[in-house]
Protein backbone atom coordinates (compact mmCIF):
# COMPACT_ATOMS: atom_id res chain seq x y z
CA MET A 1 -118.92 74.98 -106.91
CA VAL A 2 -122.65 74.95 -107.67
CA SER A 3 -122.89 78.52 -106.39
CA THR A 4 -120.46 79.72 -109.07
CA TRP A 5 -122.69 78.23 -111.78
CA ILE A 6 -126.06 79.53 -110.56
CA GLY A 7 -124.91 82.70 -108.81
CA HIS A 8 -126.27 81.82 -105.35
CA PRO A 9 -126.32 78.85 -103.01
CA PRO A 10 -128.66 76.08 -104.24
CA THR A 11 -132.13 75.85 -102.77
CA SER A 12 -132.23 72.41 -101.18
CA VAL A 13 -135.29 70.24 -101.61
CA VAL A 14 -134.08 66.97 -100.13
CA ASP A 15 -130.82 65.32 -99.09
CA VAL A 16 -130.69 61.68 -100.22
CA VAL A 17 -127.75 59.61 -98.94
CA GLY A 18 -125.51 62.65 -98.86
CA VAL A 19 -126.55 63.89 -102.33
CA GLU A 20 -128.36 67.20 -102.22
CA ILE A 21 -131.20 67.54 -104.72
CA SER A 22 -131.99 71.20 -105.28
CA HIS A 23 -134.74 73.15 -107.04
CA GLU A 24 -132.22 74.18 -109.67
CA LEU A 25 -131.24 70.57 -110.36
CA LEU A 26 -134.89 69.56 -110.70
CA ARG A 27 -135.59 72.42 -113.10
CA VAL A 28 -132.63 71.59 -115.33
CA SER A 29 -133.47 67.87 -115.25
CA GLY A 30 -137.07 68.63 -116.20
CA ALA A 31 -135.99 70.82 -119.11
CA ILE A 32 -133.61 68.15 -120.42
CA ALA A 33 -136.32 65.48 -120.07
CA ALA A 34 -138.85 67.65 -121.95
CA PHE A 35 -136.38 68.34 -124.75
CA SER A 36 -135.47 64.63 -125.01
CA GLY A 37 -139.13 63.64 -125.13
CA LEU A 38 -139.82 66.18 -127.86
CA TYR A 39 -136.84 64.93 -129.87
CA TYR A 40 -138.02 61.32 -129.49
CA ALA A 41 -141.55 62.18 -130.59
CA ILE A 42 -140.29 64.01 -133.67
CA ALA A 43 -137.88 61.18 -134.54
CA VAL A 44 -140.66 58.59 -134.29
CA LEU A 45 -143.02 60.64 -136.44
CA THR A 46 -140.54 61.53 -139.19
CA ASP A 47 -138.07 58.61 -139.46
CA THR A 48 -139.79 55.52 -140.87
CA ALA A 49 -136.78 53.24 -140.31
CA TYR A 50 -136.57 54.27 -136.64
CA ARG A 51 -140.30 53.79 -136.22
CA ALA A 52 -140.26 50.34 -137.82
CA GLU A 53 -137.28 49.18 -135.76
CA PHE A 54 -138.29 50.39 -132.30
CA VAL A 55 -141.95 51.31 -132.21
CA GLY A 56 -143.30 48.51 -134.41
CA GLU A 57 -142.30 45.77 -131.99
CA LEU A 58 -143.56 47.73 -129.01
CA THR A 59 -146.90 48.32 -130.74
CA GLU A 60 -147.37 44.60 -131.34
CA GLU A 61 -146.52 43.80 -127.71
CA LEU A 62 -149.00 46.41 -126.45
CA ARG A 63 -151.70 45.12 -128.80
CA ALA A 64 -151.22 41.57 -127.48
CA SER A 65 -151.20 42.82 -123.89
CA PHE A 66 -154.47 44.74 -124.35
CA ALA A 67 -156.08 41.72 -126.02
CA ASP A 68 -155.06 39.55 -123.06
CA ARG A 69 -156.48 42.12 -120.65
CA ALA A 70 -159.77 42.22 -122.55
CA ASP A 71 -159.95 38.41 -122.34
CA TYR A 72 -159.20 38.55 -118.63
CA LEU A 73 -161.90 41.16 -117.98
CA ARG A 74 -164.41 39.12 -119.99
CA ALA A 75 -163.59 36.01 -117.96
CA LEU A 76 -163.75 38.00 -114.72
CA SER A 77 -167.16 39.48 -115.53
CA GLY A 78 -168.49 36.00 -116.32
CA ARG A 79 -167.53 34.79 -112.86
CA LEU A 80 -169.28 37.61 -110.99
């Protein structure tokens, strides 16, 4: 069935638990991932409601995480 879509037998990369992952599958998956990432980036930059709802909370969590890491590294350097 895959051969009818791509015009030739798929080029196998690896067979995982009976599921064949081919070069063609990886290329299509990569293209879809790139397009989705681009769409997400544009949505975050242009839609303020989306940015406030999803990215705002994540930004605060990352800020707290980096502050904790800085405190940890300061404490670690004081012990050495």
